[in-house]
Amino acid sequence: MSKFGPPHPERVVLVCCDFPAHAQRNGITPAVKQARAAAAVGAPSADDVFAANVSEFRELVASSGAVVVDVVAQRRDRPDPATMVGKGKLLEIAALVESSQANVVVFQPDLTPSQLRELEESLPCRVIDRTQLILDIFAAHARTREGQLQVELAQLEYLLPRLTGRGRALSQLGGGIGTRGPGETQLETDRRKIGRSILQLKKRLEAVRRTRRQQRRHRASVPLPTVALVGYTNAGKSTLFNALTQAGVVASSRMFATLDPTLRQIRLPSRRKVLLSDTVGFIRALPPTLVNAFRATLEEVQEAEVLLHVMDATSPSLAMHRAEVEKVLRDLNVDDKPCIHVMNKIDLLPAPDQMNFLAHTDAFAVSARNRTGLDFLLAQVDRALTLAPEASDPLEERELKIPQSEGSVLSALEADALMLEKRFENNQVHVRVRGPASLLHRYRNFWRIMELPQEKE
């Protein structure tokens, strides 16, 4: 259970910092770069992007079950090397913690070990940063053993370089480390324990990957193309997944409600069957420890033949969210896969905005909640799979001549392929069908051989 969970929600003060000069010197963050590049066409400014990041930070804390009692925002040229925010702002935060009776302060961006140690000595409460907050949410939402192993590995990899900076907060973390005592000897003991735990977790996750590879090889024996849902967290992927599959997976407005991948079979308008995969949502500046730990989960994206990039049409940060997801897809080396952009929650926009929105977007508009636009979306998936250069089970069109006594063959073709033409002649049924190659090749003994006209002498 999350340490922010019920029955006694934590009272949290958020500290959101932005360092434009520091970002300029060390490489501008993708969000700021996008805002500056697009400013000429009326896209959000850097101030708007910062405000959106603060709003997203609040949503993250709410998703953990905590209560935000106040927000401190600071923009300065560069972070203070000791406390990130500087001595004056630190005194202000300490007074705010006392007056609001907060028991946790959460910082964005991430803290260095020395900053964490200094802040815990200066503030009368626990101090964590954005990455640890996300890890806590992941730990609360992981349901399968695989997901729990992935989260535990990410937590330990995050903790290991920060042992010297944990101070009194070390006792708040689990993972079988034990209580930290004074002195370097105990510190080294903790490091060895964490190192051994990391090695054991990596071995277990490698076993999970082997199992997944075996499952994929088994699926390849009965070829079914895979379509993966990707997108920013809280874009409505799980709701869309449920609408297409009736799977009943957890769909929540909270961030990262889905961590464990789910596969379900659906049928497209061409009557071919495909596997639809629901995956973990992406987020701006997703911690590298999470990307690495969830590699087994993200393999479902890498193995997919078509991607459905689901976006929230109502989000004020839509352009930034789209750019962040596309960056993660590039990092996964899947940006060359066929990708269908899907604007979800279109029903929440006023009618005039819907018309304007649809006229200026390259995405297909749907409402997963109201189940509108889904038939057209499935037709686009069908088309993308047909045009895919290396489709695992392409569509073919064949003519077959089947004895009427072979009723099971006719039933199979009518169930899993499109019947384009059907006529009876004597005891034979002549059909022209379009369907998956794996199905039609199963009945190749009935393929009709076209007779070429003989030339006259």
Protein backbone atom coordinates (compact mmCIF):
# COMPACT_ATOMS: atom_id res chain seq x y z
CA MET A 1 0.00 0.00 0.00
CA SER A 2 1.21 3.50 -0.77
CA LYS A 3 2.59 5.42 2.15
CA PHE A 4 0.31 8.23 0.96
CA GLY A 5 -2.77 5.97 1.02
CA PRO A 6 -5.76 5.86 3.35
CA PRO A 7 -6.85 5.81 6.12
CA HIS A 8 -4.81 8.92 7.02
CA PRO A 9 -3.84 10.85 3.85
CA GLU A 10 -0.56 12.71 4.04
CA ARG A 11 -0.64 16.52 3.98
CA VAL A 12 1.77 17.65 1.29
CA VAL A 13 3.46 20.89 0.31
CA LEU A 14 4.60 20.94 -3.30
CA VAL A 15 7.75 22.80 -4.31
CA CYS A 16 7.97 23.32 -8.08
CA CYS A 17 11.16 24.85 -9.43
CA ASP A 18 12.16 25.99 -12.91
CA PHE A 19 15.70 26.95 -13.93
CA PRO A 20 15.66 28.39 -17.48
CA ALA A 21 19.30 29.52 -17.48
CA HIS A 22 20.44 26.16 -16.11
CA ALA A 23 18.39 24.36 -18.76
CA GLN A 24 19.89 26.57 -21.47
CA ARG A 25 23.41 25.69 -20.36
CA ASN A 26 22.79 21.96 -19.89
CA GLY A 27 20.38 21.32 -22.74
CA ILE A 28 16.87 22.79 -22.83
CA THR A 29 14.17 20.49 -21.57
CA PRO A 30 11.89 19.12 -24.31
CA ALA A 31 8.85 20.97 -22.93
CA VAL A 32 10.56 24.37 -22.93
CA LYS A 33 12.18 23.73 -26.31
CA GLN A 34 8.80 22.87 -27.81
CA ALA A 35 7.16 25.93 -26.29
CA ARG A 36 9.86 28.26 -27.63
CA ALA A 37 9.92 26.70 -31.08
CA ALA A 38 6.17 26.83 -31.45
CA ALA A 39 5.62 30.27 -29.94
CA ALA A 40 5.40 31.82 -33.39
CA VAL A 41 2.25 29.85 -34.19
CA GLY A 42 0.48 30.60 -30.93
CA ALA A 43 1.53 27.55 -28.93
CA PRO A 44 1.84 27.81 -25.13
CA SER A 45 4.67 29.97 -23.86
CA ALA A 46 7.34 28.82 -21.42
CA ASP A 47 5.22 30.32 -18.62
CA ASP A 48 2.22 28.29 -19.78
CA VAL A 49 4.33 25.14 -19.90
CA PHE A 50 5.59 25.77 -16.36
CA ALA A 51 2.01 26.29 -15.16
CA ALA A 52 0.96 23.05 -16.87
CA ASN A 53 3.82 21.21 -15.19
CA VAL A 54 2.72 22.52 -11.78
CA SER A 55 -0.85 21.36 -12.51
CA GLU A 56 0.41 17.91 -13.54
CA PHE A 57 2.49 17.74 -10.35
CA ARG A 58 -0.66 18.36 -8.30
CA GLU A 59 -2.43 15.55 -10.18
CA LEU A 60 0.45 13.20 -9.41
CA VAL A 61 0.13 13.87 -5.70
CA ALA A 62 -3.64 13.48 -5.85
CA SER A 63 -3.14 10.13 -7.61
CA SER A 64 -1.06 8.98 -4.66
CA GLY A 65 -3.95 9.64 -2.29
CA ALA A 66 -2.32 12.62 -0.55
CA VAL A 67 -3.83 16.05 0.10
CA VAL A 68 -2.06 19.11 -1.29
CA VAL A 69 -2.19 21.84 1.34
CA ASP A 70 -0.07 24.41 -0.52
CA VAL A 71 2.15 24.92 -3.56
CA VAL A 72 5.41 26.85 -3.67
CA ALA A 73 6.61 27.78 -7.16
CA GLN A 74 10.00 29.31 -7.83
CA ARG A 75 11.77 30.31 -11.02
CA ARG A 76 15.44 31.20 -10.76
CA ASP A 77 18.49 31.11 -13.02
CA ARG A 78 20.05 27.99 -11.49
CA PRO A 79 19.41 25.60 -8.60
CA ASP A 80 21.08 26.25 -5.28
CA PRO A 81 23.69 23.47 -4.93
CA ALA A 82 22.84 22.94 -1.25
CA THR A 83 19.04 23.22 -1.08
CA MET A 84 17.85 23.79 -4.69
CA VAL A 85 15.65 26.73 -3.61
CA GLY A 86 18.01 28.94 -1.63
CA LYS A 87 18.04 29.88 2.06
CA GLY A 88 15.30 32.53 1.94
CA LYS A 89 12.82 30.30 0.13
CA LEU A 90 13.74 27.40 2.43
CA LEU A 91 12.75 29.49 5.49
CA GLU A 92 9.47 30.29 3.77
CA ILE A 93 8.81 26.58 3.11
CA ALA A 94 9.64 25.67 6.72
CA ALA A 95 7.16 28.28 8.01
CA LEU A 96 4.52 27.04 5.60
CA VAL A 97 5.02 23.45 6.75
CA GLU A 98 4.56 24.52 10.38
CA SER A 99 1.45 26.61 9.72
CA SER A 100 -0.25 24.01 7.49
CA GLN A 101 0.76 21.01 9.62
CA ALA A 102 2.15 19.29 6.51
CA ASN A 103 4.16 16.13 7.04
CA VAL A 104 5.70 15.73 3.56
CA VAL A 105 7.37 18.16 1.16
CA VAL A 106 7.67 16.98 -2.45
CA PHE A 107 10.19 18.66 -4.77
CA GLN A 108 10.24 18.95 -8.55
CA PRO A 109 12.72 18.42 -10.22
CA ASP A 110 14.67 15.61 -8.54
CA LEU A 111 17.03 16.28 -5.67
CA THR A 112 20.67 15.32 -5.43
CA PRO A 113 21.72 13.22 -2.39
CA SER A 114 23.39 16.22 -0.74
CA GLN A 115 20.35 18.44 -1.34
CA LEU A 116 18.10 15.77 0.15
CA ARG A 117 20.27 15.52 3.27
CA GLU A 118 20.39 19.30 3.73
CA LEU A 119 16.63 19.71 3.23
CA GLU A 120 15.79 16.98 5.74
CA GLU A 121 17.98 18.66 8.31
CA SER A 122 16.31 22.03 7.65
CA LEU A 123 12.62 21.03 7.36
CA PRO A 124 10.50 19.52 10.16
CA CYS A 125 9.06 16.74 7.97
CA ARG A 126 9.92 14.12 5.37
CA VAL A 127 11.29 15.27 2.01
CA ILE A 128 10.97 13.37 -1.27
CA ASP A 129 11.19 14.28 -4.94
CA ARG A 130 9.11 13.65 -8.05
CA THR A 131 10.75 10.34 -8.97
CA GLN A 132 10.15 8.87 -5.53
CA LEU A 133 6.54 10.07 -5.72
CA ILE A 134 6.05 8.27 -9.05
CA LEU A 135 7.69 5.15 -7.64
CA ASP A 136 5.28 5.26 -4.71
CA ILE A 137 2.28 5.48 -7.07
CA PHE A 138 3.64 2.59 -9.11
CA ALA A 139 4.11 0.51 -5.96
CA ALA A 140 0.49 1.14 -4.97
CA HIS A 141 -0.92 0.22 -8.41
CA ALA A 142 1.18 -2.83 -9.33
CA ARG A 143 -1.06 -5.89 -9.19
CA THR A 144 0.85 -8.74 -10.79
CA ARG A 145 4.02 -10.27 -9.40
CA GLU A 146 5.89 -9.01 -12.46
CA GLY A 147 4.75 -5.44 -11.88
CA GLN A 148 5.70 -5.61 -8.22
CA LEU A 149 9.17 -6.89 -9.11
CA GLN A 150 9.63 -4.08 -11.63
CA VAL A 151 8.64 -1.42 -9.11
CA GLU A 152 10.85 -2.89 -6.40
CA LEU A 153 13.83 -2.93 -8.74
CA ALA A 154 13.24 0.70 -9.72
CA GLN A 155 12.95 1.71 -6.06
CA LEU A 156 16.23 0.04 -5.12
CA GLU A 157 18.11 1.46 -8.12
CA TYR A 158 16.82 4.90 -7.19
CA LEU A 159 17.75 4.45 -3.53
CA LEU A 160 21.27 3.04 -3.92
CA PRO A 161 23.13 6.27 -4.89
CA ARG A 162 21.09 8.25 -2.33
CA LEU A 163 21.85 6.25 0.81
CA THR A 164 24.15 8.94 2.16
CA GLY A 165 21.44 11.52 1.65
CA ARG A 166 18.47 9.66 3.09
CA GLY A 167 19.00 10.69 6.69
CA ARG A 168 16.00 9.91 8.87
CA ALA A 169 13.79 9.12 5.83
CA LEU A 170 15.64 5.83 5.28
CA SER A 171 13.54 4.22 7.96
CA GLN A 172 10.42 5.04 5.92
CA LEU A 173 11.43 2.75 3.06
CA GLY A 174 10.89 -0.99 2.88
CA GLY A 175 12.61 -3.55 0.72
CA GLY A 176 14.21 -5.59 3.51
CA ILE A 177 17.09 -3.17 4.06
CA GLY A 178 16.74 -3.00 7.83
CA THR A 179 17.22 -0.06 10.17
CA ARG A 180 20.19 2.11 9.38
CA GLY A 181 22.61 2.60 12.24
CA PRO A 182 25.30 5.26 12.63
CA GLY A 183 28.64 5.12 10.93
CA GLU A 184 30.13 4.05 7.63
CA THR A 185 29.98 0.33 8.46
CA GLN A 186 26.19 0.29 8.50
CA LEU A 187 26.12 2.35 5.29
CA GLU A 188 28.27 -0.21 3.53
CA THR A 189 26.08 -3.01 4.90
CA ASP A 190 23.00 -1.30 3.48
CA ARG A 191 24.71 -0.90 0.12
CA ARG A 192 25.62 -4.59 0.00
CA LYS A 193 22.08 -5.61 0.92
CA ILE A 194 20.61 -3.40 -1.78
CA GLY A 195 23.16 -4.65 -4.31
CA ARG A 196 22.24 -8.27 -3.60
CA SER A 197 18.54 -7.47 -3.81
CA ILE A 198 19.02 -5.75 -7.17
CA LEU A 199 20.85 -8.77 -8.59
CA GLN A 200 18.12 -11.13 -7.37
CA LEU A 201 15.37 -8.94 -8.82
CA LYS A 202 17.14 -8.73 -12.17
CA LYS A 203 17.37 -12.52 -12.29
CA ARG A 204 13.65 -12.84 -11.53
CA LEU A 205 12.75 -10.27 -14.17
CA GLU A 206 14.95 -12.03 -16.71
CA ALA A 207 12.90 -15.15 -15.99
CA VAL A 208 9.78 -13.09 -16.69
CA ARG A 209 11.27 -11.95 -20.00
CA ARG A 210 12.07 -15.55 -20.95
CA THR A 211 8.48 -16.52 -20.18
CA ARG A 212 7.22 -13.62 -22.32
CA ARG A 213 9.46 -14.66 -25.20
CA GLN A 214 8.12 -18.20 -24.97
CA GLN A 215 4.56 -16.86 -24.97
CA ARG A 216 5.31 -14.77 -28.05
CA ARG A 217 6.78 -17.78 -29.86
CA HIS A 218 3.66 -19.74 -28.97
CA ARG A 219 1.48 -16.92 -30.31
CA ALA A 220 3.59 -16.80 -33.47
CA SER A 221 2.63 -20.40 -34.23
CA VAL A 222 -0.94 -19.08 -34.66
CA PRO A 223 -0.10 -15.69 -36.15
CA LEU A 224 -2.16 -12.83 -34.75
CA PRO A 225 -1.02 -9.26 -35.34
CA THR A 226 -0.61 -7.17 -32.19
CA VAL A 227 -1.91 -3.60 -31.85
CA ALA A 228 -0.61 -1.63 -28.85
CA LEU A 229 -2.28 1.31 -27.14
CA VAL A 230 0.25 3.98 -26.17
CA GLY A 231 -0.15 7.49 -24.84
CA TYR A 232 0.29 9.93 -22.02
CA THR A 233 -0.96 8.84 -18.64
CA ASN A 234 -4.67 9.52 -18.05
CA ALA A 235 -5.42 9.86 -21.78
CA GLY A 236 -8.14 7.21 -21.55
CA LYS A 237 -6.27 4.20 -22.92
CA SER A 238 -7.86 1.70 -20.53
CA THR A 239 -11.34 3.10 -21.17
CA LEU A 240 -10.77 2.69 -24.90
CA PHE A 241 -9.37 -0.79 -24.32
CA ASN A 242 -12.50 -1.76 -22.40
CA ALA A 243 -14.76 -0.27 -25.08
CA LEU A 244 -13.05 -2.35 -27.80
CA THR A 245 -12.64 -5.59 -25.86
CA GLN A 246 -15.17 -5.57 -22.97
CA ALA A 247 -12.21 -6.65 -20.81
CA GLY A 248 -13.21 -4.75 -17.70
CA VAL A 249 -9.68 -3.63 -16.76
CA VAL A 250 -9.34 -0.86 -14.18
CA ALA A 251 -10.03 2.53 -15.78
CA SER A 252 -9.42 5.50 -13.48
CA SER A 253 -8.92 9.24 -13.79
CA ARG A 254 -5.86 8.87 -11.56
CA MET A 255 -2.44 8.75 -13.18
CA PHE A 256 -0.79 5.37 -13.74
CA ALA A 257 -3.93 3.34 -13.00
CA THR A 258 -2.57 0.77 -15.50
CA LEU A 259 0.87 -0.74 -14.90
CA ASP A 260 0.50 -4.37 -15.88
CA PRO A 261 0.03 -5.08 -19.62
CA THR A 262 -3.22 -6.72 -20.68
CA LEU A 263 -3.80 -8.58 -23.97
CA ARG A 264 -7.24 -9.28 -25.45
CA GLN A 265 -8.37 -10.58 -28.82
CA ILE A 266 -10.63 -8.44 -31.00
CA ARG A 267 -12.09 -8.86 -34.48
CA LEU A 268 -11.64 -6.20 -37.17
CA PRO A 269 -14.12 -5.34 -39.97
CA SER A 270 -12.19 -7.66 -42.32
CA ARG A 271 -13.05 -10.41 -39.77
CA ARG A 272 -9.39 -11.00 -39.03
CA LYS A 273 -8.45 -11.38 -35.37
CA VAL A 274 -5.79 -9.24 -33.69
CA LEU A 275 -4.40 -8.89 -30.17
CA LEU A 276 -4.94 -5.51 -28.52
CA SER A 277 -2.45 -4.56 -25.78
CA ASP A 278 -3.05 -2.01 -23.02
CA THR A 279 0.24 -0.60 -21.70
CA VAL A 280 1.55 1.72 -19.01
CA GLY A 281 1.07 5.44 -19.64
CA PHE A 282 3.99 7.73 -20.36
CA ILE A 283 4.74 10.99 -18.58
CA ARG A 284 7.04 13.96 -19.00
CA ALA A 285 10.58 13.18 -17.85
CA LEU A 286 9.76 9.56 -17.02
CA PRO A 287 12.53 8.49 -14.62
CA PRO A 288 15.20 6.37 -16.37
CA THR A 289 15.01 3.79 -13.57
CA LEU A 290 11.36 3.20 -14.47
CA VAL A 291 12.03 2.98 -18.21
CA ASN A 292 14.71 0.35 -17.59
CA ALA A 293 12.74 -1.58 -14.99
CA PHE A 294 9.61 -1.71 -17.15
CA ARG A 295 11.47 -2.89 -20.22
CA ALA A 296 9.59 -6.21 -20.08
CA THR A 297 6.28 -4.34 -20.18
CA LEU A 298 7.40 -1.99 -22.96
CA GLU A 299 8.44 -4.98 -25.06
CA GLU A 300 4.74 -5.33 -25.93
CA VAL A 301 5.04 -1.96 -27.67
CA GLN A 302 8.19 -3.03 -29.48
CA GLU A 303 6.56 -6.25 -30.73
CA ALA A 304 3.37 -4.56 -31.97
CA GLU A 305 2.74 -4.14 -35.69
CA VAL A 306 0.56 -1.04 -35.31
CA LEU A 307 0.43 1.56 -32.53
CA LEU A 308 -2.63 3.49 -31.41
CA HIS A 309 -1.43 6.76 -29.89
CA VAL A 310 -4.30 7.83 -27.63
CA MET A 311 -4.48 11.53 -26.66
CA ASP A 312 -6.81 13.54 -24.44
CA ALA A 313 -8.57 16.05 -26.69
CA THR A 314 -9.49 18.20 -23.67
CA SER A 315 -5.97 18.57 -22.28
CA PRO A 316 -4.52 22.11 -22.41
CA SER A 317 -1.08 20.48 -22.71
CA LEU A 318 -2.05 18.30 -25.68
CA ALA A 319 0.86 19.33 -27.92
CA MET A 320 3.40 18.82 -25.14
CA HIS A 321 1.95 15.42 -24.21
CA ARG A 322 2.09 14.30 -27.83
CA ALA A 323 5.72 15.39 -28.12
CA GLU A 324 6.68 13.55 -24.92
CA VAL A 325 5.07 10.30 -26.07
CA GLU A 326 6.76 10.53 -29.46
CA LYS A 327 10.09 11.05 -27.68
CA VAL A 328 9.59 7.85 -25.64
CA LEU A 329 8.66 5.97 -28.83
CA ARG A 330 11.90 7.17 -30.42
CA ASP A 331 13.82 6.01 -27.35
CA LEU A 332 12.20 2.58 -27.76
CA ASN A 333 13.14 2.56 -31.49
CA VAL A 334 9.51 2.08 -32.55
CA ASP A 335 8.88 5.48 -34.11
CA ASP A 336 9.02 3.89 -37.57
CA LYS A 337 6.02 1.64 -36.89
CA PRO A 338 2.61 2.49 -38.38
CA CYS A 339 0.93 4.77 -35.84
CA ILE A 340 -2.70 5.90 -35.72
CA HIS A 341 -3.36 9.05 -33.70
CA VAL A 342 -6.57 8.88 -31.69
CA MET A 343 -8.20 11.89 -30.04
CA ASN A 344 -10.19 10.55 -27.11
CA LYS A 345 -12.76 12.35 -24.91
CA ILE A 346 -14.04 14.32 -27.88
CA ASP A 347 -17.50 14.25 -26.29
CA LEU A 348 -16.27 16.58 -23.52
CA LEU A 349 -15.67 19.42 -26.00
CA PRO A 350 -18.48 21.83 -26.97
CA ALA A 351 -19.93 21.14 -30.41
CA PRO A 352 -18.33 24.22 -32.11
CA ASP A 353 -14.93 23.29 -30.65
CA GLN A 354 -15.35 19.72 -31.88
CA MET A 355 -15.86 20.89 -35.47
CA ASN A 356 -12.87 23.24 -35.30
CA PHE A 357 -10.78 20.58 -33.64
CA LEU A 358 -11.56 17.94 -36.25
CA ALA A 359 -10.75 20.33 -39.07
CA HIS A 360 -7.21 20.96 -37.79
CA THR A 361 -5.97 17.58 -36.65
CA ASP A 362 -4.52 14.46 -38.27
CA ALA A 363 -6.08 12.20 -35.62
CA PHE A 364 -9.29 10.19 -35.53
CA ALA A 365 -11.77 11.46 -32.98
CA VAL A 366 -13.48 9.00 -30.64
CA SER A 367 -15.29 8.92 -27.34
CA ALA A 368 -14.37 5.71 -25.57
CA ARG A 369 -16.88 6.46 -22.84
CA ASN A 370 -19.78 6.91 -25.30
CA ARG A 371 -18.40 4.30 -27.76
CA THR A 372 -18.57 6.72 -30.70
CA GLY A 373 -16.13 6.58 -33.61
CA LEU A 374 -14.93 3.08 -32.71
CA ASP A 375 -16.11 1.37 -35.92
CA PHE A 376 -14.24 3.89 -38.05
CA LEU A 377 -11.16 3.49 -35.83
CA LEU A 378 -11.19 -0.30 -36.26
CA ALA A 379 -11.45 0.17 -40.02
CA GLN A 380 -8.32 2.35 -39.89
CA VAL A 381 -6.51 -0.34 -37.89
CA ASP A 382 -7.53 -2.85 -40.55
CA ARG A 383 -6.18 -0.60 -43.27
CA ALA A 384 -2.89 0.03 -41.41
CA LEU A 385 -2.32 -3.70 -40.97
CA THR A 386 -3.07 -4.30 -44.64
CA LEU A 387 -0.52 -1.67 -45.68
CA ALA A 388 2.10 -2.74 -43.13
CA PRO A 389 5.25 -3.81 -45.02
CA GLU A 390 5.86 -6.89 -42.84
CA ALA A 391 2.42 -7.92 -41.64
CA SER A 392 2.54 -11.19 -39.72
CA ASP A 393 -0.75 -12.40 -41.19
CA PRO A 394 -1.62 -10.40 -44.35
CA LEU A 395 -5.00 -10.47 -46.03
CA GLU A 396 -5.33 -12.48 -49.22
CA GLU A 397 -8.15 -12.93 -51.71
CA ARG A 398 -8.79 -16.44 -53.03
CA GLU A 399 -11.33 -18.43 -54.97
CA LEU A 400 -12.19 -21.85 -53.61
CA LYS A 401 -14.27 -24.77 -54.83
CA ILE A 402 -15.60 -26.65 -51.82
CA PRO A 403 -17.77 -29.80 -51.79
CA GLN A 404 -21.06 -29.17 -50.02
CA SER A 405 -20.21 -32.06 -47.71
CA GLU A 406 -17.38 -29.93 -46.25
CA GLY A 407 -19.68 -27.80 -44.15
CA SER A 408 -17.05 -27.16 -41.50
CA VAL A 409 -14.78 -25.49 -44.07
CA LEU A 410 -17.58 -23.18 -45.18
CA SER A 411 -18.41 -22.33 -41.57
CA ALA A 412 -14.79 -21.48 -40.77
CA LEU A 413 -14.49 -19.22 -43.81
CA GLU A 414 -17.76 -17.44 -43.07
CA ALA A 415 -16.72 -16.90 -39.45
CA ASP A 416 -13.18 -15.58 -39.99
CA ALA A 417 -13.14 -14.15 -43.53
CA LEU A 418 -15.23 -11.88 -45.71
CA MET A 419 -17.37 -13.76 -48.19
CA LEU A 420 -17.21 -11.70 -51.40
CA GLU A 421 -19.03 -14.15 -53.67
CA LYS A 422 -20.82 -17.45 -53.20
CA ARG A 423 -22.62 -19.67 -55.72
CA PHE A 424 -23.69 -23.29 -55.89
CA GLU A 425 -22.97 -25.56 -58.82
CA ASN A 426 -23.93 -29.24 -58.65
CA ASN A 427 -22.43 -30.50 -55.38
CA GLN A 428 -19.80 -27.77 -55.25
CA VAL A 429 -19.80 -24.35 -53.62
CA HIS A 430 -17.76 -21.74 -55.48
CA VAL A 431 -16.67 -18.92 -53.18
CA ARG A 432 -14.43 -15.86 -53.39
CA VAL A 433 -13.19 -14.74 -49.99
CA ARG A 434 -10.81 -12.24 -48.46
CA GLY A 435 -9.21 -13.23 -45.19
CA PRO A 436 -6.00 -13.85 -43.23
CA ALA A 437 -3.35 -15.82 -45.10
CA SER A 438 -3.04 -18.27 -42.19
CA LEU A 439 -6.73 -19.17 -42.57
CA LEU A 440 -6.83 -19.44 -46.36
CA HIS A 441 -3.64 -21.49 -46.57
CA ARG A 442 -5.21 -23.97 -44.16
CA TYR A 443 -7.67 -24.81 -46.95
CA ARG A 444 -5.35 -24.59 -49.93
CA ASN A 445 -6.55 -28.01 -51.14
CA PHE A 446 -9.78 -26.29 -52.12
CA TRP A 447 -8.21 -23.39 -53.98
CA ARG A 448 -9.71 -23.05 -57.40
CA ILE A 449 -7.16 -23.30 -60.22
CA MET A 450 -8.13 -20.89 -62.95
CA GLU A 451 -8.11 -22.52 -66.38
CA LEU A 452 -6.37 -20.47 -69.05
CA PRO A 453 -8.10 -20.31 -72.45
CA GLN A 454 -6.46 -22.52 -75.07
CA GLU A 455 -5.06 -20.89 -78.17
CA LYS A 456 -6.70 -21.75 -81.46
CA GLU A 457 -4.58 -23.58 -84.01
